[in-house]
Amino acid sequence: SNKRNSLHLGDVAKMGRAPAFGTMVK
């Protein structure tokens, strides 16, 4: 996308937390 990628409050909160993520392995 060429659109501006903006931060919302939820995004900022997410950045401050320990990473909770998933993976798919091949």
PDB file of all heavy atoms in Angstrom:
ATOM      1  N   SER A   1       0.829  -1.195   0.000  1.00  0.00           N
ATOM      2  CA  SER A   1       0.000   0.000   0.000  1.00  0.00           C
ATOM      3  C   SER A   1       0.865   1.247   0.000  1.00  0.00           C
ATOM      4  O   SER A   1       1.913   1.296   0.635  1.00  0.00           O
ATOM      5  CB  SER A   1      -0.910  -0.002   1.236  1.00  0.00           C
ATOM      6  OG  SER A   1      -1.525   1.251   1.389  1.00  0.00           O
ATOM      7  N   ASN A   2       0.395   2.267  -0.709  1.00  0.00           N
ATOM      8  CA  ASN A   2       1.061   3.562  -0.688  1.00  0.00           C
ATOM      9  C   ASN A   2       0.440   4.492   0.334  1.00  0.00           C
ATOM     10  O   ASN A   2       0.885   5.621   0.513  1.00  0.00           O
ATOM     11  CB  ASN A   2       0.985   4.204  -2.082  1.00  0.00           C
ATOM     12  CG  ASN A   2       1.782   3.419  -3.111  1.00  0.00           C
ATOM     13  OD1 ASN A   2       2.869   2.939  -2.803  1.00  0.00           O
ATOM     14  ND2 ASN A   2       1.233   3.292  -4.319  1.00  0.00           N
ATOM     15  N   LYS A   3      -0.613   4.016   0.992  1.00  0.00           N
ATOM     16  CA  LYS A   3      -1.280   4.854   1.975  1.00  0.00           C
ATOM     17  C   LYS A   3      -0.433   4.990   3.233  1.00  0.00           C
ATOM     18  O   LYS A   3       0.368   4.128   3.570  1.00  0.00           O
ATOM     19  CB  LYS A   3      -2.653   4.269   2.342  1.00  0.00           C
ATOM     20  CG  LYS A   3      -3.666   4.319   1.209  1.00  0.00           C
ATOM     21  CD  LYS A   3      -5.039   3.972   1.720  1.00  0.00           C
ATOM     22  CE  LYS A   3      -6.076   4.095   0.614  1.00  0.00           C
ATOM     23  NZ  LYS A   3      -7.442   3.817   1.093  1.00  0.00           N
ATOM     24  N   ARG A   4      -0.668   6.072   3.936  1.00  0.00           N
ATOM     25  CA  ARG A   4       0.057   6.298   5.176  1.00  0.00           C
ATOM     26  C   ARG A   4      -0.317   5.229   6.188  1.00  0.00           C
ATOM     27  O   ARG A   4      -1.486   4.965   6.430  1.00  0.00           O
ATOM     28  CB  ARG A   4      -0.283   7.692   5.720  1.00  0.00           C
ATOM     29  CG  ARG A   4       0.490   8.031   6.984  1.00  0.00           C
ATOM     30  CD  ARG A   4       0.078   9.405   7.472  1.00  0.00           C
ATOM     31  NE  ARG A   4       0.739   9.717   8.734  1.00  0.00           N
ATOM     32  CZ  ARG A   4       0.475  10.810   9.437  1.00  0.00           C
ATOM     33  NH1 ARG A   4      -0.415  11.680   8.998  1.00  0.00           N
ATOM     34  NH2 ARG A   4       1.102  11.037  10.576  1.00  0.00           N
ATOM     35  N   ASN A   5       0.671   4.623   6.815  1.00  0.00           N
ATOM     36  CA  ASN A   5       0.450   3.573   7.802  1.00  0.00           C
ATOM     37  C   ASN A   5       0.429   4.223   9.175  1.00  0.00           C
ATOM     38  O   ASN A   5       1.459   4.549   9.740  1.00  0.00           O
ATOM     39  CB  ASN A   5       1.571   2.534   7.702  1.00  0.00           C
ATOM     40  CG  ASN A   5       1.224   1.261   8.430  1.00  0.00           C
ATOM     41  OD1 ASN A   5       1.346   1.210   9.637  1.00  0.00           O
ATOM     42  ND2 ASN A   5       0.821   0.252   7.682  1.00  0.00           N
ATOM     43  N   SER A   6      -0.753   4.454   9.731  1.00  0.00           N
ATOM     44  CA  SER A   6      -0.892   5.257  10.943  1.00  0.00           C
ATOM     45  C   SER A   6      -1.014   4.388  12.181  1.00  0.00           C
ATOM     46  O   SER A   6      -1.533   3.278  12.144  1.00  0.00           O
ATOM     47  CB  SER A   6      -2.121   6.166  10.828  1.00  0.00           C
ATOM     48  OG  SER A   6      -3.279   5.397  10.565  1.00  0.00           O
ATOM     49  N   LEU A   7      -0.544   4.927  13.299  1.00  0.00           N
ATOM     50  CA  LEU A   7      -0.626   4.237  14.578  1.00  0.00           C
ATOM     51  C   LEU A   7      -1.897   4.639  15.309  1.00  0.00           C
ATOM     52  O   LEU A   7      -2.237   5.824  15.385  1.00  0.00           O
ATOM     53  CB  LEU A   7       0.584   4.582  15.452  1.00  0.00           C
ATOM     54  CG  LEU A   7       1.916   3.918  15.091  1.00  0.00           C
ATOM     55  CD1 LEU A   7       3.017   4.500  15.972  1.00  0.00           C
ATOM     56  CD2 LEU A   7       1.846   2.430  15.285  1.00  0.00           C
ATOM     57  N   HIS A   8      -2.607   3.655  15.855  1.00  0.00           N
ATOM     58  CA  HIS A   8      -3.744   3.890  16.722  1.00  0.00           C
ATOM     59  C   HIS A   8      -3.314   3.583  18.157  1.00  0.00           C
ATOM     60  O   HIS A   8      -2.259   2.997  18.398  1.00  0.00           O
ATOM     61  CB  HIS A   8      -4.916   2.989  16.332  1.00  0.00           C
ATOM     62  CG  HIS A   8      -5.509   3.345  14.992  1.00  0.00           C
ATOM     63  ND1 HIS A   8      -6.804   3.053  14.662  1.00  0.00           N
ATOM     64  CD2 HIS A   8      -4.973   3.969  13.907  1.00  0.00           C
ATOM     65  CE1 HIS A   8      -7.051   3.467  13.424  1.00  0.00           C
ATOM     66  NE2 HIS A   8      -5.958   4.015  12.952  1.00  0.00           N
ATOM     67  N   LEU A   9      -4.150   3.969  19.120  1.00  0.00           N
ATOM     68  CA  LEU A   9      -3.811   3.707  20.519  1.00  0.00           C
ATOM     69  C   LEU A   9      -3.582   2.229  20.777  1.00  0.00           C
ATOM     70  O   LEU A   9      -2.693   1.835  21.527  1.00  0.00           O
ATOM     71  CB  LEU A   9      -4.923   4.234  21.434  1.00  0.00           C
ATOM     72  CG  LEU A   9      -4.987   5.752  21.611  1.00  0.00           C
ATOM     73  CD1 LEU A   9      -6.205   6.125  22.455  1.00  0.00           C
ATOM     74  CD2 LEU A   9      -3.718   6.281  22.269  1.00  0.00           C
ATOM     75  N   GLY A  10      -4.401   1.382  20.132  1.00  0.00           N
ATOM     76  CA  GLY A  10      -4.233  -0.062  20.307  1.00  0.00           C
ATOM     77  C   GLY A  10      -2.906  -0.549  19.776  1.00  0.00           C
ATOM     78  O   GLY A  10      -2.292  -1.468  20.323  1.00  0.00           O
ATOM     79  N   ASP A  11      -2.427   0.076  18.697  1.00  0.00           N
ATOM     80  CA  ASP A  11      -1.139  -0.305  18.138  1.00  0.00           C
ATOM     81  C   ASP A  11      -0.018   0.026  19.109  1.00  0.00           C
ATOM     82  O   ASP A  11       0.913  -0.753  19.305  1.00  0.00           O
ATOM     83  CB  ASP A  11      -0.891   0.429  16.817  1.00  0.00           C
ATOM     84  CG  ASP A  11      -1.978   0.172  15.787  1.00  0.00           C
ATOM     85  OD1 ASP A  11      -2.546  -0.934  15.809  1.00  0.00           O
ATOM     86  OD2 ASP A  11      -2.254   1.069  14.982  1.00  0.00           O
ATOM     87  N   VAL A  12      -0.098   1.207  19.712  1.00  0.00           N
ATOM     88  CA  VAL A  12       0.932   1.636  20.651  1.00  0.00           C
ATOM     89  C   VAL A  12       0.963   0.712  21.864  1.00  0.00           C
ATOM     90  O   VAL A  12       2.022   0.302  22.349  1.00  0.00           O
ATOM     91  CB  VAL A  12       0.698   3.094  21.084  1.00  0.00           C
ATOM     92  CG1 VAL A  12       1.718   3.513  22.135  1.00  0.00           C
ATOM     93  CG2 VAL A  12       0.772   4.025  19.880  1.00  0.00           C
ATOM     94  N   ALA A  13      -0.234   0.350  22.368  1.00  0.00           N
ATOM     95  CA  ALA A  13      -0.302  -0.558  23.515  1.00  0.00           C
ATOM     96  C   ALA A  13       0.304  -1.904  23.178  1.00  0.00           C
ATOM     97  O   ALA A  13       1.024  -2.518  23.977  1.00  0.00           O
ATOM     98  CB  ALA A  13      -1.758  -0.718  23.960  1.00  0.00           C
ATOM     99  N   LYS A  14       0.028  -2.374  21.969  1.00  0.00           N
ATOM    100  CA  LYS A  14       0.567  -3.656  21.524  1.00  0.00           C
ATOM    101  C   LYS A  14       2.085  -3.619  21.469  1.00  0.00           C
ATOM    102  O   LYS A  14       2.765  -4.583  21.833  1.00  0.00           O
ATOM    103  CB  LYS A  14      -0.005  -3.989  20.142  1.00  0.00           C
ATOM    104  CG  LYS A  14       0.430  -5.321  19.559  1.00  0.00           C
ATOM    105  CD  LYS A  14      -0.246  -5.537  18.220  1.00  0.00           C
ATOM    106  CE  LYS A  14       0.208  -6.834  17.572  1.00  0.00           C
ATOM    107  NZ  LYS A  14      -0.414  -7.032  16.256  1.00  0.00           N
ATOM    108  N   MET A  15       2.646  -2.502  21.019  1.00  0.00           N
ATOM    109  CA  MET A  15       4.091  -2.377  20.905  1.00  0.00           C
ATOM    110  C   MET A  15       4.769  -2.408  22.271  1.00  0.00           C
ATOM    111  O   MET A  15       5.916  -2.814  22.407  1.00  0.00           O
ATOM    112  CB  MET A  15       4.439  -1.076  20.179  1.00  0.00           C
ATOM    113  CG  MET A  15       4.050  -1.073  18.711  1.00  0.00           C
ATOM    114  SD  MET A  15       4.163   0.560  17.960  1.00  0.00           S
ATOM    115  CE  MET A  15       5.939   0.828  18.016  1.00  0.00           C
ATOM    116  N   GLY A  16       4.031  -2.000  23.318  1.00  0.00           N
ATOM    117  CA  GLY A  16       4.618  -1.955  24.639  1.00  0.00           C
ATOM    118  C   GLY A  16       4.562  -3.268  25.394  1.00  0.00           C
ATOM    119  O   GLY A  16       5.175  -3.407  26.448  1.00  0.00           O
ATOM    120  N   ARG A  17       3.811  -4.253  24.852  1.00  0.00           N
ATOM    121  CA  ARG A  17       3.672  -5.531  25.532  1.00  0.00           C
ATOM    122  C   ARG A  17       4.738  -6.517  25.073  1.00  0.00           C
ATOM    123  O   ARG A  17       5.325  -6.373  23.998  1.00  0.00           O
ATOM    124  CB  ARG A  17       2.291  -6.141  25.247  1.00  0.00           C
ATOM    125  CG  ARG A  17       1.126  -5.339  25.799  1.00  0.00           C
ATOM    126  CD  ARG A  17      -0.140  -6.187  25.784  1.00  0.00           C
ATOM    127  NE  ARG A  17      -0.518  -6.590  24.451  1.00  0.00           N
ATOM    128  CZ  ARG A  17      -1.394  -5.936  23.692  1.00  0.00           C
ATOM    129  NH1 ARG A  17      -1.943  -4.839  24.126  1.00  0.00           N
ATOM    130  NH2 ARG A  17      -1.702  -6.385  22.486  1.00  0.00           N
ATOM    131  N   ALA A  18       4.950  -7.541  25.907  1.00  0.00           N
ATOM    132  CA  ALA A  18       5.809  -8.644  25.481  1.00  0.00           C
ATOM    133  C   ALA A  18       5.154  -9.310  24.273  1.00  0.00           C
ATOM    134  O   ALA A  18       3.927  -9.376  24.187  1.00  0.00           O
ATOM    135  CB  ALA A  18       5.985  -9.642  26.615  1.00  0.00           C
ATOM    136  N   PRO A  19       5.941  -9.778  23.316  1.00  0.00           N
ATOM    137  CA  PRO A  19       5.369 -10.284  22.065  1.00  0.00           C
ATOM    138  C   PRO A  19       4.575 -11.574  22.234  1.00  0.00           C
ATOM    139  O   PRO A  19       5.082 -12.565  22.753  1.00  0.00           O
ATOM    140  CB  PRO A  19       6.595 -10.509  21.179  1.00  0.00           C
ATOM    141  CG  PRO A  19       7.725 -10.716  22.138  1.00  0.00           C
ATOM    142  CD  PRO A  19       7.409  -9.856  23.319  1.00  0.00           C
ATOM    143  N   ALA A  20       3.315 -11.541  21.833  1.00  0.00           N
ATOM    144  CA  ALA A  20       2.478 -12.745  21.784  1.00  0.00           C
ATOM    145  C   ALA A  20       2.174 -12.992  20.314  1.00  0.00           C
ATOM    146  O   ALA A  20       1.442 -12.237  19.686  1.00  0.00           O
ATOM    147  CB  ALA A  20       1.195 -12.555  22.579  1.00  0.00           C
ATOM    148  N   PHE A  21       2.765 -14.011  19.745  1.00  0.00           N
ATOM    149  CA  PHE A  21       2.614 -14.255  18.317  1.00  0.00           C
ATOM    150  C   PHE A  21       2.514 -15.739  18.040  1.00  0.00           C
ATOM    151  O   PHE A  21       2.801 -16.580  18.903  1.00  0.00           O
ATOM    152  CB  PHE A  21       3.791 -13.649  17.537  1.00  0.00           C
ATOM    153  CG  PHE A  21       5.144 -14.204  17.926  1.00  0.00           C
ATOM    154  CD1 PHE A  21       5.656 -15.334  17.314  1.00  0.00           C
ATOM    155  CD2 PHE A  21       5.908 -13.577  18.905  1.00  0.00           C
ATOM    156  CE1 PHE A  21       6.901 -15.853  17.670  1.00  0.00           C
ATOM    157  CE2 PHE A  21       7.150 -14.082  19.264  1.00  0.00           C
ATOM    158  CZ  PHE A  21       7.644 -15.228  18.659  1.00  0.00           C
ATOM    159  N   GLY A  22       2.091 -16.069  16.849  1.00  0.00           N
ATOM    160  CA  GLY A  22       2.019 -17.459  16.411  1.00  0.00           C
ATOM    161  C   GLY A  22       2.912 -17.670  15.205  1.00  0.00           C
ATOM    162  O   GLY A  22       3.403 -16.721  14.596  1.00  0.00           O
ATOM    163  N   THR A  23       3.113 -18.931  14.871  1.00  0.00           N
ATOM    164  CA  THR A  23       3.888 -19.261  13.675  1.00  0.00           C
ATOM    165  C   THR A  23       3.246 -20.437  12.953  1.00  0.00           C
ATOM    166  O   THR A  23       2.538 -21.243  13.544  1.00  0.00           O
ATOM    167  CB  THR A  23       5.346 -19.643  14.016  1.00  0.00           C
ATOM    168  OG1 THR A  23       5.349 -20.824  14.822  1.00  0.00           O
ATOM    169  CG2 THR A  23       6.077 -18.523  14.716  1.00  0.00           C
ATOM    170  N   MET A  24       3.530 -20.506  11.683  1.00  0.00           N
ATOM    171  CA  MET A  24       3.223 -21.674  10.865  1.00  0.00           C
ATOM    172  C   MET A  24       4.553 -22.135  10.297  1.00  0.00           C
ATOM    173  O   MET A  24       5.305 -21.335   9.740  1.00  0.00           O
ATOM    174  CB  MET A  24       2.255 -21.297   9.740  1.00  0.00           C
ATOM    175  CG  MET A  24       1.927 -22.430   8.791  1.00  0.00           C
ATOM    176  SD  MET A  24       0.860 -21.878   7.422  1.00  0.00           S
ATOM    177  CE  MET A  24      -0.688 -21.635   8.288  1.00  0.00           C
ATOM    178  N   VAL A  25       4.869 -23.411  10.459  1.00  0.00           N
ATOM    179  CA  VAL A  25       6.186 -23.897  10.041  1.00  0.00           C
ATOM    180  C   VAL A  25       6.055 -24.875   8.886  1.00  0.00           C
ATOM    181  O   VAL A  25       5.135 -25.700   8.847  1.00  0.00           O
ATOM    182  CB  VAL A  25       6.948 -24.533  11.232  1.00  0.00           C
ATOM    183  CG1 VAL A  25       6.189 -25.719  11.813  1.00  0.00           C
ATOM    184  CG2 VAL A  25       8.361 -24.939  10.825  1.00  0.00           C
ATOM    185  N   LYS A  26       6.960 -24.751   7.919  1.00  0.00           N
ATOM    186  CA  LYS A  26       6.948 -25.559   6.703  1.00  0.00           C
ATOM    187  C   LYS A  26       8.191 -26.459   6.690  1.00  0.00           C
ATOM    188  O   LYS A  26       9.191 -26.122   6.061  1.00  0.00           O
ATOM    189  CB  LYS A  26       6.971 -24.655   5.473  1.00  0.00           C
ATOM    190  CG  LYS A  26       5.930 -23.532   5.492  1.00  0.00           C
ATOM    191  CD  LYS A  26       4.647 -23.977   4.890  1.00  0.00           C
ATOM    192  CE  LYS A  26       3.680 -22.812   4.705  1.00  0.00           C
ATOM    193  NZ  LYS A  26       2.441 -23.204   4.016  1.00  0.00           N
TER     194      LYS A  26
END
